[in-house]
Amino acid sequence: MTDTKEQVRHDPTSQVGRLLKRFKRDGRITNIQMVKEMFILRGSERVRELVKEGHNIRSIQLNRTTWVYVYEGEE
């Protein structure tokens, strides 16, 4: 049995599509930036969706309320 990952295409206007584009452009984003600049609430869930699809994203807690997500490419 071979493990083949299906290439997922996101609508570029969807939250996940916009977040993936931002990751590929800037490489990182904070949860605060997701809300204030991109109007994405529950950004951690959008990140989780991308990770589930095979994207490598590291989560780093900066303080009690701020996280930075660093995009490290695809598997």
Protein backbone atom coordinates (compact mmCIF):
# COMPACT_ATOMS: atom_id res chain seq x y z
CA MET A 1 0.00 0.00 0.00
CA THR A 2 1.39 3.40 -0.93
CA ASP A 3 0.73 6.58 0.97
CA THR A 4 -0.21 9.29 -1.50
CA LYS A 5 -1.12 12.76 -0.35
CA GLU A 6 -3.75 14.49 -2.38
CA GLN A 7 -2.88 18.06 -3.34
CA VAL A 8 -5.49 20.27 -1.68
CA ARG A 9 -6.48 23.45 -3.46
CA HIS A 10 -8.01 26.16 -1.32
CA ASP A 11 -10.21 28.96 -2.52
CA PRO A 12 -7.77 31.91 -2.40
CA THR A 13 -10.42 34.01 -0.67
CA SER A 14 -11.07 31.47 2.10
CA GLN A 15 -9.41 31.89 5.49
CA VAL A 16 -7.18 28.86 4.97
CA GLY A 17 -6.28 29.97 1.44
CA ARG A 18 -5.38 33.49 2.56
CA LEU A 19 -3.39 32.16 5.52
CA LEU A 20 -1.41 29.74 3.34
CA LYS A 21 -0.59 32.55 0.90
CA ARG A 22 0.62 34.72 3.80
CA PHE A 23 2.74 31.88 5.19
CA LYS A 24 4.38 31.33 1.81
CA ARG A 25 5.03 35.08 1.43
CA ASP A 26 6.22 35.97 4.95
CA GLY A 27 7.05 32.66 6.58
CA ARG A 28 5.45 33.54 9.91
CA ILE A 29 2.45 35.21 11.49
CA THR A 30 1.15 35.81 15.01
CA ASN A 31 -2.33 35.08 16.27
CA ILE A 32 -2.74 38.84 16.82
CA GLN A 33 -1.88 39.57 13.17
CA MET A 34 -4.37 36.93 12.03
CA VAL A 35 -7.16 38.78 13.82
CA LYS A 36 -6.17 42.41 13.20
CA GLU A 37 -4.79 42.19 9.67
CA MET A 38 -6.57 39.20 8.16
CA PHE A 39 -9.82 39.10 10.16
CA ILE A 40 -9.29 35.41 10.95
CA LEU A 41 -10.73 34.34 14.28
CA ARG A 42 -9.68 30.96 15.69
CA GLY A 43 -6.50 31.11 13.64
CA SER A 44 -5.08 28.15 15.53
CA GLU A 45 -7.80 26.00 13.99
CA ARG A 46 -6.89 27.21 10.48
CA VAL A 47 -3.25 26.34 11.26
CA ARG A 48 -4.35 22.90 12.47
CA GLU A 49 -6.16 22.33 9.15
CA LEU A 50 -2.97 23.16 7.22
CA VAL A 51 -0.90 20.85 9.43
CA LYS A 52 -3.41 18.05 8.87
CA GLU A 53 -2.93 18.53 5.11
CA GLY A 54 0.83 18.03 5.45
CA HIS A 55 2.21 21.53 5.98
CA ASN A 56 4.94 21.91 8.60
CA ILE A 57 4.05 24.79 10.91
CA ARG A 58 5.82 25.37 14.22
CA SER A 59 3.90 27.09 17.05
CA ILE A 60 5.87 29.22 19.51
CA GLN A 61 4.29 30.85 22.55
CA LEU A 62 5.74 34.35 23.05
CA ASN A 63 3.75 35.22 26.17
CA ARG A 64 0.44 34.33 27.80
CA THR A 65 -1.69 35.51 24.91
CA THR A 66 0.59 35.69 21.86
CA TRP A 67 1.68 32.84 19.62
CA VAL A 68 3.80 32.99 16.49
CA TYR A 69 3.31 30.37 13.78
CA VAL A 70 6.34 29.65 11.57
CA TYR A 71 5.84 28.01 8.19
CA GLU A 72 8.49 25.40 7.40
CA GLY A 73 7.17 24.04 4.10
CA GLU A 74 5.29 20.91 3.12
CA GLU A 75 6.02 17.24 3.82
